[in-house]
Amino acid sequence: MDTNLLNTKFTRIGARLKLADHPTRRSRMAGLSLDMQSDRKGEFFEIAQPATDVEIAVLDVQPIDRHLLLLLVRENAEKHKFLCGHDERHWFVAGIPEKAPVGTVRQAKEALKPAEVRSVQALKGLSVKASNRRKNAAFIRQGEWFFLPVGDMAIDWKLVLPNEPLSRGGGSKPHWAEFCYRTGGETVYVCNRYPNGVVEAHHKVILSSSPKAKAWGWRTMRRNPGVFVRGRIRHADHATIILRTWHQVLMNTEGQSKAMKNVAFLD
């Protein structure tokens, strides 16, 4: 690993990179950590170097777009790719699904789009430039969430939830929808100790095995439901968007990446 070359590549997109012997927080991959941190100078990318050899390389750099594609190859030749870049107000890291044949930043962005999003943008005949915008004829994007317009929907307003969080789990900061309507999905119980949620049977086991568990601040949520929202969609790291009609909510495909396997869609 050429440390100077890595630093140069990150500098080209206006970012800082720090290499550490141990991760500041819990590793996302066994023996390896790639994360965002901050200090007095602002945000920076942190790669914690494992004791074993891991090949680290930058496959593509797009300075104007402020994105690069990072490749990590572990001892067993297992490859993981990450899109590192800047979105609106902050830097981010997104794991790319291993099954996607990705070698450029543009391909990585497409791989992060759910199949439904790619289908709609193809039907709309969007150009490459238009498909990379946060708002276009096919969708509106806020961070990791895509919102697809669905036109007229028969909605029972008695079932509409106000000020509802959209969370990918793992302790991430939720996005807040002014109005939310959901269908299907799996009921889970969520608390700080189980941010991705547990099913009812597991929840009962936890409560019966620990007398203090009832006081952990459990909240009932739905895992991977069909979710539709409208109105204001808010998040501290993104500009508020306003959806005048109902939109289907879809999370990016980062959760399909083995390196990000702990990500869940909780509503």
C-alpha atoms as a PDB file:
ATOM      1  CA  MET A   1       0.000   0.000   0.000  1.00  0.00           C
ATOM      2  CA  ASP A   2       1.433   3.348  -1.117  1.00  0.00           C
ATOM      3  CA  THR A   3       0.344   5.734   1.636  1.00  0.00           C
ATOM      4  CA  ASN A   4       1.429   8.855  -0.259  1.00  0.00           C
ATOM      5  CA  LEU A   5      -0.510   7.785  -3.358  1.00  0.00           C
ATOM      6  CA  LEU A   6      -3.633   7.132  -1.299  1.00  0.00           C
ATOM      7  CA  ASN A   7      -3.385  10.550   0.345  1.00  0.00           C
ATOM      8  CA  THR A   8      -2.915  12.181  -3.046  1.00  0.00           C
ATOM      9  CA  LYS A   9      -6.052  10.510  -4.444  1.00  0.00           C
ATOM     10  CA  PHE A  10      -8.179  11.640  -1.493  1.00  0.00           C
ATOM     11  CA  THR A  11      -6.702  15.147  -1.695  1.00  0.00           C
ATOM     12  CA  ARG A  12      -7.844  15.350  -5.332  1.00  0.00           C
ATOM     13  CA  ILE A  13     -11.486  15.178  -4.213  1.00  0.00           C
ATOM     14  CA  GLY A  14     -10.844  17.701  -1.434  1.00  0.00           C
ATOM     15  CA  ALA A  15     -10.878  15.145   1.370  1.00  0.00           C
ATOM     16  CA  ARG A  16      -8.512  14.190   4.176  1.00  0.00           C
ATOM     17  CA  LEU A  17      -7.405  10.634   4.867  1.00  0.00           C
ATOM     18  CA  LYS A  18      -5.917   9.249   8.072  1.00  0.00           C
ATOM     19  CA  LEU A  19      -4.454   5.773   8.537  1.00  0.00           C
ATOM     20  CA  ALA A  20      -4.574   4.276  12.016  1.00  0.00           C
ATOM     21  CA  ASP A  21      -3.378   1.099  13.718  1.00  0.00           C
ATOM     22  CA  HIS A  22      -6.721   0.653  15.475  1.00  0.00           C
ATOM     23  CA  PRO A  23     -10.203   1.922  14.521  1.00  0.00           C
ATOM     24  CA  THR A  24     -11.668   4.803  16.482  1.00  0.00           C
ATOM     25  CA  ARG A  25     -14.956   2.939  16.552  1.00  0.00           C
ATOM     26  CA  ARG A  26     -16.077  -0.660  16.024  1.00  0.00           C
ATOM     27  CA  SER A  27     -14.858  -2.098  12.693  1.00  0.00           C
ATOM     28  CA  ARG A  28     -17.360  -2.697   9.954  1.00  0.00           C
ATOM     29  CA  MET A  29     -15.297  -5.575   8.631  1.00  0.00           C
ATOM     30  CA  ALA A  30     -13.408  -8.166  10.619  1.00  0.00           C
ATOM     31  CA  GLY A  31      -9.847  -6.916  10.994  1.00  0.00           C
ATOM     32  CA  LEU A  32     -10.478  -3.727   9.039  1.00  0.00           C
ATOM     33  CA  SER A  33     -12.203  -0.400   9.622  1.00  0.00           C
ATOM     34  CA  LEU A  34     -13.263   2.225   7.098  1.00  0.00           C
ATOM     35  CA  ASP A  35     -15.247   5.076   8.578  1.00  0.00           C
ATOM     36  CA  MET A  36     -15.867   8.816   8.807  1.00  0.00           C
ATOM     37  CA  GLN A  37     -14.403  10.716  11.756  1.00  0.00           C
ATOM     38  CA  SER A  38     -13.954  14.374  12.664  1.00  0.00           C
ATOM     39  CA  ASP A  39     -11.477  16.556  14.506  1.00  0.00           C
ATOM     40  CA  ARG A  40     -10.871  20.272  14.947  1.00  0.00           C
ATOM     41  CA  LYS A  41     -10.223  20.635  11.211  1.00  0.00           C
ATOM     42  CA  GLY A  42     -13.464  18.911  10.230  1.00  0.00           C
ATOM     43  CA  GLU A  43     -14.349  15.534   8.767  1.00  0.00           C
ATOM     44  CA  PHE A  44     -11.856  12.967   7.473  1.00  0.00           C
ATOM     45  CA  PHE A  45     -11.833   9.402   6.190  1.00  0.00           C
ATOM     46  CA  GLU A  46     -10.192   6.900   8.524  1.00  0.00           C
ATOM     47  CA  ILE A  47      -8.772   3.545   7.452  1.00  0.00           C
ATOM     48  CA  ALA A  48      -7.580   1.437  10.366  1.00  0.00           C
ATOM     49  CA  GLN A  49      -4.770  -0.798   9.129  1.00  0.00           C
ATOM     50  CA  PRO A  50      -5.216  -4.415  10.217  1.00  0.00           C
ATOM     51  CA  ALA A  51      -2.388  -6.605  11.454  1.00  0.00           C
ATOM     52  CA  THR A  52      -2.735  -8.794   8.344  1.00  0.00           C
ATOM     53  CA  ASP A  53      -2.137  -7.676   4.799  1.00  0.00           C
ATOM     54  CA  VAL A  54      -4.985  -5.907   3.033  1.00  0.00           C
ATOM     55  CA  GLU A  55      -4.515  -4.388  -0.384  1.00  0.00           C
ATOM     56  CA  ILE A  56      -5.954  -0.865  -0.620  1.00  0.00           C
ATOM     57  CA  ALA A  57      -6.295   0.866  -3.965  1.00  0.00           C
ATOM     58  CA  VAL A  58      -8.263   3.688  -5.578  1.00  0.00           C
ATOM     59  CA  LEU A  59      -9.890   2.525  -8.822  1.00  0.00           C
ATOM     60  CA  ASP A  60     -11.344   5.820 -10.007  1.00  0.00           C
ATOM     61  CA  VAL A  61     -11.206   9.472  -8.982  1.00  0.00           C
ATOM     62  CA  GLN A  62     -13.666  12.181 -10.055  1.00  0.00           C
ATOM     63  CA  PRO A  63     -12.380  15.492  -8.607  1.00  0.00           C
ATOM     64  CA  ILE A  64     -15.214  17.671  -9.953  1.00  0.00           C
ATOM     65  CA  ASP A  65     -17.808  15.277  -8.567  1.00  0.00           C
ATOM     66  CA  ARG A  66     -15.780  14.910  -5.319  1.00  0.00           C
ATOM     67  CA  HIS A  67     -16.087  11.107  -5.385  1.00  0.00           C
ATOM     68  CA  LEU A  68     -13.679   8.180  -5.622  1.00  0.00           C
ATOM     69  CA  LEU A  69     -14.013   4.394  -5.728  1.00  0.00           C
ATOM     70  CA  LEU A  70     -11.951   2.503  -3.154  1.00  0.00           C
ATOM     71  CA  LEU A  71     -10.983  -1.178  -3.400  1.00  0.00           C
ATOM     72  CA  LEU A  72     -10.054  -3.302  -0.383  1.00  0.00           C
ATOM     73  CA  VAL A  73      -8.736  -6.822  -0.978  1.00  0.00           C
ATOM     74  CA  ARG A  74      -8.413  -9.066   2.068  1.00  0.00           C
ATOM     75  CA  GLU A  75      -6.022 -11.975   2.641  1.00  0.00           C
ATOM     76  CA  ASN A  76      -8.457 -14.527   1.217  1.00  0.00           C
ATOM     77  CA  ALA A  77      -8.747 -12.459  -1.996  1.00  0.00           C
ATOM     78  CA  GLU A  78     -12.219 -11.251  -0.957  1.00  0.00           C
ATOM     79  CA  LYS A  79     -12.830  -7.886  -2.570  1.00  0.00           C
ATOM     80  CA  HIS A  80     -14.876  -5.007  -1.195  1.00  0.00           C
ATOM     81  CA  LYS A  81     -15.533  -1.705  -2.944  1.00  0.00           C
ATOM     82  CA  PHE A  82     -16.645   1.556  -1.369  1.00  0.00           C
ATOM     83  CA  LEU A  83     -17.853   4.802  -2.852  1.00  0.00           C
ATOM     84  CA  CYS A  84     -16.284   7.682  -0.918  1.00  0.00           C
ATOM     85  CA  GLY A  85     -17.547  11.157  -1.601  1.00  0.00           C
ATOM     86  CA  HIS A  86     -19.327  14.337  -0.638  1.00  0.00           C
ATOM     87  CA  ASP A  87     -23.116  14.671  -0.653  1.00  0.00           C
ATOM     88  CA  GLU A  88     -24.657  18.078   0.052  1.00  0.00           C
ATOM     89  CA  ARG A  89     -23.093  18.892   3.438  1.00  0.00           C
ATOM     90  CA  HIS A  90     -20.946  15.958   4.511  1.00  0.00           C
ATOM     91  CA  TRP A  91     -18.529  13.239   3.401  1.00  0.00           C
ATOM     92  CA  PHE A  92     -19.787   9.662   3.316  1.00  0.00           C
ATOM     93  CA  VAL A  93     -18.759   6.041   2.729  1.00  0.00           C
ATOM     94  CA  ALA A  94     -21.094   3.595   0.971  1.00  0.00           C
ATOM     95  CA  GLY A  95     -20.434  -0.118   0.514  1.00  0.00           C
ATOM     96  CA  ILE A  96     -21.035  -1.436  -3.006  1.00  0.00           C
ATOM     97  CA  PRO A  97     -22.781  -4.832  -3.425  1.00  0.00           C
ATOM     98  CA  GLU A  98     -20.099  -7.400  -4.276  1.00  0.00           C
ATOM     99  CA  LYS A  99     -22.177  -8.881  -7.095  1.00  0.00           C
ATOM    100  CA  ALA A 100     -22.155  -5.584  -9.024  1.00  0.00           C
ATOM    101  CA  PRO A 101     -19.440  -5.330 -11.753  1.00  0.00           C
ATOM    102  CA  VAL A 102     -18.137  -1.918 -10.735  1.00  0.00           C
ATOM    103  CA  GLY A 103     -14.898  -0.217 -11.778  1.00  0.00           C
ATOM    104  CA  THR A 104     -15.786   3.493 -11.933  1.00  0.00           C
ATOM    105  CA  VAL A 105     -17.513   6.079  -9.781  1.00  0.00           C
ATOM    106  CA  ARG A 106     -20.412   6.287 -12.253  1.00  0.00           C
ATOM    107  CA  GLN A 107     -20.915   2.514 -12.153  1.00  0.00           C
ATOM    108  CA  ALA A 108     -20.789   2.580  -8.354  1.00  0.00           C
ATOM    109  CA  LYS A 109     -23.533   5.190  -8.223  1.00  0.00           C
ATOM    110  CA  GLU A 110     -25.719   3.079 -10.503  1.00  0.00           C
ATOM    111  CA  ALA A 111     -25.027  -0.043  -8.431  1.00  0.00           C
ATOM    112  CA  LEU A 112     -26.285   1.789  -5.331  1.00  0.00           C
ATOM    113  CA  LYS A 113     -29.655   2.438  -6.991  1.00  0.00           C
ATOM    114  CA  PRO A 114     -32.407  -0.130  -6.336  1.00  0.00           C
ATOM    115  CA  ALA A 115     -33.666  -2.023  -9.397  1.00  0.00           C
ATOM    116  CA  GLU A 116     -36.961  -0.102  -9.261  1.00  0.00           C
ATOM    117  CA  VAL A 117     -35.108   3.201  -9.525  1.00  0.00           C
ATOM    118  CA  ARG A 118     -33.020   2.058 -12.493  1.00  0.00           C
ATOM    119  CA  SER A 119     -36.147   0.804 -14.252  1.00  0.00           C
ATOM    120  CA  VAL A 120     -37.989   4.106 -13.870  1.00  0.00           C
ATOM    121  CA  GLN A 121     -35.035   6.205 -15.016  1.00  0.00           C
ATOM    122  CA  ALA A 122     -34.692   3.945 -18.077  1.00  0.00           C
ATOM    123  CA  LEU A 123     -38.398   4.406 -18.895  1.00  0.00           C
ATOM    124  CA  LYS A 124     -37.958   8.165 -18.571  1.00  0.00           C
ATOM    125  CA  GLY A 125     -34.930   8.047 -20.898  1.00  0.00           C
ATOM    126  CA  LEU A 126     -32.731  10.018 -18.524  1.00  0.00           C
ATOM    127  CA  SER A 127     -29.248  11.017 -19.607  1.00  0.00           C
ATOM    128  CA  VAL A 128     -26.257  10.055 -17.453  1.00  0.00           C
ATOM    129  CA  LYS A 129     -26.050  13.631 -16.181  1.00  0.00           C
ATOM    130  CA  ALA A 130     -29.741  13.777 -15.293  1.00  0.00           C
ATOM    131  CA  SER A 131     -29.716  10.371 -13.606  1.00  0.00           C
ATOM    132  CA  ASN A 132     -26.963  11.574 -11.237  1.00  0.00           C
ATOM    133  CA  ARG A 133     -28.990  14.554 -10.039  1.00  0.00           C
ATOM    134  CA  ARG A 134     -30.699  14.343  -6.659  1.00  0.00           C
ATOM    135  CA  LYS A 135     -33.945  15.432  -8.324  1.00  0.00           C
ATOM    136  CA  ASN A 136     -35.020  14.412 -11.806  1.00  0.00           C
ATOM    137  CA  ALA A 137     -38.040  13.090 -13.723  1.00  0.00           C
ATOM    138  CA  ALA A 138     -37.667   9.605 -12.198  1.00  0.00           C
ATOM    139  CA  PHE A 139     -36.939  10.190  -8.518  1.00  0.00           C
ATOM    140  CA  ILE A 140     -35.895  12.500  -5.706  1.00  0.00           C
ATOM    141  CA  ARG A 141     -32.989  11.419  -3.520  1.00  0.00           C
ATOM    142  CA  GLN A 142     -32.058  12.476  -0.007  1.00  0.00           C
ATOM    143  CA  GLY A 143     -28.915  10.724   1.212  1.00  0.00           C
ATOM    144  CA  GLU A 144     -29.408   6.949   1.002  1.00  0.00           C
ATOM    145  CA  TRP A 145     -33.175   7.229   0.362  1.00  0.00           C
ATOM    146  CA  PHE A 146     -34.876   7.344  -3.040  1.00  0.00           C
ATOM    147  CA  PHE A 147     -38.430   8.640  -3.446  1.00  0.00           C
ATOM    148  CA  LEU A 148     -40.387   7.475  -6.508  1.00  0.00           C
ATOM    149  CA  PRO A 149     -43.647   9.300  -7.393  1.00  0.00           C
ATOM    150  CA  VAL A 150     -46.580   6.863  -7.510  1.00  0.00           C
ATOM    151  CA  GLY A 151     -49.401   9.129  -8.636  1.00  0.00           C
ATOM    152  CA  ASP A 152     -52.874   8.640  -7.183  1.00  0.00           C
ATOM    153  CA  MET A 153     -53.096   6.226  -4.259  1.00  0.00           C
ATOM    154  CA  ALA A 154     -56.090   5.051  -2.263  1.00  0.00           C
ATOM    155  CA  ILE A 155     -54.945   6.004   1.225  1.00  0.00           C
ATOM    156  CA  ASP A 156     -56.807   5.458   4.482  1.00  0.00           C
ATOM    157  CA  TRP A 157     -55.774   8.605   6.321  1.00  0.00           C
ATOM    158  CA  LYS A 158     -56.579   6.945   9.626  1.00  0.00           C
ATOM    159  CA  LEU A 159     -53.503   4.783   9.035  1.00  0.00           C
ATOM    160  CA  VAL A 160     -51.213   7.669   8.061  1.00  0.00           C
ATOM    161  CA  LEU A 161     -48.484   8.351  10.623  1.00  0.00           C
ATOM    162  CA  PRO A 162     -47.280  11.934  11.214  1.00  0.00           C
ATOM    163  CA  ASN A 163     -43.622  12.816  11.734  1.00  0.00           C
ATOM    164  CA  GLU A 164     -42.403   9.253  11.158  1.00  0.00           C
ATOM    165  CA  PRO A 165     -38.677   8.258  11.124  1.00  0.00           C
ATOM    166  CA  LEU A 166     -37.033   6.436   8.223  1.00  0.00           C
ATOM    167  CA  SER A 167     -33.989   4.580   9.533  1.00  0.00           C
ATOM    168  CA  ARG A 168     -31.486   2.191   7.994  1.00  0.00           C
ATOM    169  CA  GLY A 169     -30.625   0.900  11.465  1.00  0.00           C
ATOM    170  CA  GLY A 170     -27.192   0.549  13.040  1.00  0.00           C
ATOM    171  CA  GLY A 171     -27.690   3.697  15.100  1.00  0.00           C
ATOM    172  CA  SER A 172     -27.817   5.988  12.056  1.00  0.00           C
ATOM    173  CA  LYS A 173     -29.629   9.323  12.278  1.00  0.00           C
ATOM    174  CA  PRO A 174     -33.151   8.894  10.860  1.00  0.00           C
ATOM    175  CA  HIS A 175     -34.793  10.948   8.147  1.00  0.00           C
ATOM    176  CA  TRP A 176     -38.206  12.293   9.214  1.00  0.00           C
ATOM    177  CA  ALA A 177     -41.281  12.161   6.993  1.00  0.00           C
ATOM    178  CA  GLU A 178     -44.161  14.566   7.620  1.00  0.00           C
ATOM    179  CA  PHE A 179     -46.696  11.924   6.532  1.00  0.00           C
ATOM    180  CA  CYS A 180     -46.042   8.193   6.207  1.00  0.00           C
ATOM    181  CA  TYR A 181     -48.211   5.256   5.081  1.00  0.00           C
ATOM    182  CA  ARG A 182     -46.873   1.720   5.191  1.00  0.00           C
ATOM    183  CA  THR A 183     -47.977  -1.737   4.136  1.00  0.00           C
ATOM    184  CA  GLY A 184     -46.648  -5.217   4.943  1.00  0.00           C
ATOM    185  CA  GLY A 185     -43.236  -5.812   6.464  1.00  0.00           C
ATOM    186  CA  GLU A 186     -42.194  -7.563   9.668  1.00  0.00           C
ATOM    187  CA  THR A 187     -42.838  -6.301  13.202  1.00  0.00           C
ATOM    188  CA  VAL A 188     -39.623  -5.849  15.203  1.00  0.00           C
ATOM    189  CA  TYR A 189     -38.720  -4.427  18.597  1.00  0.00           C
ATOM    190  CA  VAL A 190     -35.978  -1.816  18.697  1.00  0.00           C
ATOM    191  CA  CYS A 191     -33.906  -0.220  21.464  1.00  0.00           C
ATOM    192  CA  ASN A 192     -30.398   1.210  21.822  1.00  0.00           C
ATOM    193  CA  ARG A 193     -28.987  -2.261  22.518  1.00  0.00           C
ATOM    194  CA  TYR A 194     -30.719  -3.729  19.456  1.00  0.00           C
ATOM    195  CA  PRO A 195     -30.796  -0.863  16.911  1.00  0.00           C
ATOM    196  CA  ASN A 196     -31.589  -3.194  13.975  1.00  0.00           C
ATOM    197  CA  GLY A 197     -34.528  -4.719  15.815  1.00  0.00           C
ATOM    198  CA  VAL A 198     -35.465  -8.229  16.953  1.00  0.00           C
ATOM    199  CA  VAL A 199     -38.560 -10.274  16.073  1.00  0.00           C
ATOM    200  CA  GLU A 200     -41.251 -10.950  18.666  1.00  0.00           C
ATOM    201  CA  ALA A 201     -39.968 -14.412  19.680  1.00  0.00           C
ATOM    202  CA  HIS A 202     -36.452 -13.059  20.298  1.00  0.00           C
ATOM    203  CA  HIS A 203     -37.894 -10.077  22.134  1.00  0.00           C
ATOM    204  CA  LYS A 204     -39.756 -12.380  24.538  1.00  0.00           C
ATOM    205  CA  VAL A 205     -36.569 -14.360  25.213  1.00  0.00           C
ATOM    206  CA  ILE A 206     -34.686 -11.151  26.030  1.00  0.00           C
ATOM    207  CA  LEU A 207     -37.394  -9.957  28.410  1.00  0.00           C
ATOM    208  CA  SER A 208     -37.579 -13.296  30.184  1.00  0.00           C
ATOM    209  CA  SER A 209     -33.798 -13.628  30.541  1.00  0.00           C
ATOM    210  CA  SER A 210     -33.119 -10.144  31.922  1.00  0.00           C
ATOM    211  CA  PRO A 211     -35.286  -8.439  34.573  1.00  0.00           C
ATOM    212  CA  LYS A 212     -33.980  -5.017  33.487  1.00  0.00           C
ATOM    213  CA  ALA A 213     -34.766  -5.489  29.785  1.00  0.00           C
ATOM    214  CA  LYS A 214     -38.267  -3.997  30.057  1.00  0.00           C
ATOM    215  CA  ALA A 215     -36.693  -0.632  30.910  1.00  0.00           C
ATOM    216  CA  TRP A 216     -34.470  -0.483  27.792  1.00  0.00           C
ATOM    217  CA  GLY A 217     -36.835   1.849  25.945  1.00  0.00           C
ATOM    218  CA  TRP A 218     -38.229  -0.618  23.409  1.00  0.00           C
ATOM    219  CA  ARG A 219     -40.099   0.684  20.390  1.00  0.00           C
ATOM    220  CA  THR A 220     -42.230  -1.309  17.947  1.00  0.00           C
ATOM    221  CA  MET A 221     -41.229  -0.739  14.291  1.00  0.00           C
ATOM    222  CA  ARG A 222     -41.613  -2.397  10.904  1.00  0.00           C
ATOM    223  CA  ARG A 223     -38.660  -3.989   9.097  1.00  0.00           C
ATOM    224  CA  ASN A 224     -38.601  -3.738   5.279  1.00  0.00           C
ATOM    225  CA  PRO A 225     -42.203  -2.595   4.819  1.00  0.00           C
ATOM    226  CA  GLY A 226     -43.694  -0.982   1.751  1.00  0.00           C
ATOM    227  CA  VAL A 227     -43.452   2.687   2.694  1.00  0.00           C
ATOM    228  CA  PHE A 228     -45.018   5.734   1.062  1.00  0.00           C
ATOM    229  CA  VAL A 229     -44.476   9.326   2.178  1.00  0.00           C
ATOM    230  CA  ARG A 230     -45.409  12.882   1.321  1.00  0.00           C
ATOM    231  CA  GLY A 231     -44.877  16.360   2.721  1.00  0.00           C
ATOM    232  CA  ARG A 232     -41.587  17.516   4.211  1.00  0.00           C
ATOM    233  CA  ILE A 233     -38.695  15.033   4.473  1.00  0.00           C
ATOM    234  CA  ARG A 234     -36.122  16.322   6.985  1.00  0.00           C
ATOM    235  CA  HIS A 235     -32.598  15.366   8.009  1.00  0.00           C
ATOM    236  CA  ALA A 236     -29.900  17.384   9.748  1.00  0.00           C
ATOM    237  CA  ASP A 237     -27.300  16.575   7.081  1.00  0.00           C
ATOM    238  CA  HIS A 238     -29.501  17.304   4.050  1.00  0.00           C
ATOM    239  CA  ALA A 239     -31.690  20.057   2.678  1.00  0.00           C
ATOM    240  CA  THR A 240     -35.386  19.479   3.414  1.00  0.00           C
ATOM    241  CA  ILE A 241     -37.360  18.239   0.421  1.00  0.00           C
ATOM    242  CA  ILE A 242     -41.108  18.662  -0.084  1.00  0.00           C
ATOM    243  CA  LEU A 243     -43.111  15.904  -1.760  1.00  0.00           C
ATOM    244  CA  ARG A 244     -46.435  17.257  -3.015  1.00  0.00           C
ATOM    245  CA  THR A 245     -47.785  13.764  -3.791  1.00  0.00           C
ATOM    246  CA  TRP A 246     -47.247  10.257  -2.419  1.00  0.00           C
ATOM    247  CA  HIS A 247     -43.847   8.723  -3.154  1.00  0.00           C
ATOM    248  CA  GLN A 248     -42.586   5.186  -2.612  1.00  0.00           C
ATOM    249  CA  VAL A 249     -39.556   5.018  -0.326  1.00  0.00           C
ATOM    250  CA  LEU A 250     -36.589   2.850  -1.339  1.00  0.00           C
ATOM    251  CA  MET A 251     -33.209   2.565   0.393  1.00  0.00           C
ATOM    252  CA  ASN A 252     -30.030   2.297  -1.651  1.00  0.00           C
ATOM    253  CA  THR A 253     -28.415  -1.107  -2.109  1.00  0.00           C
ATOM    254  CA  GLU A 254     -25.631  -0.529   0.420  1.00  0.00           C
ATOM    255  CA  GLY A 255     -27.257  -3.074   2.725  1.00  0.00           C
ATOM    256  CA  GLN A 256     -26.542  -5.801   0.134  1.00  0.00           C
ATOM    257  CA  SER A 257     -22.808  -5.289   0.585  1.00  0.00           C
ATOM    258  CA  LYS A 258     -21.170  -7.900   2.826  1.00  0.00           C
ATOM    259  CA  ALA A 259     -19.063  -5.161   4.370  1.00  0.00           C
ATOM    260  CA  MET A 260     -22.252  -3.364   5.434  1.00  0.00           C
ATOM    261  CA  LYS A 261     -24.254  -6.464   6.374  1.00  0.00           C
ATOM    262  CA  ASN A 262     -25.540  -4.936   9.622  1.00  0.00           C
ATOM    263  CA  VAL A 263     -27.601  -2.313   7.794  1.00  0.00           C
ATOM    264  CA  ALA A 264     -31.391  -2.750   8.065  1.00  0.00           C
ATOM    265  CA  PHE A 265     -34.402  -0.774   6.824  1.00  0.00           C
ATOM    266  CA  LEU A 266     -36.496   0.195   9.846  1.00  0.00           C
ATOM    267  CA  ASP A 267     -39.586   2.375   9.760  1.00  0.00           C
END
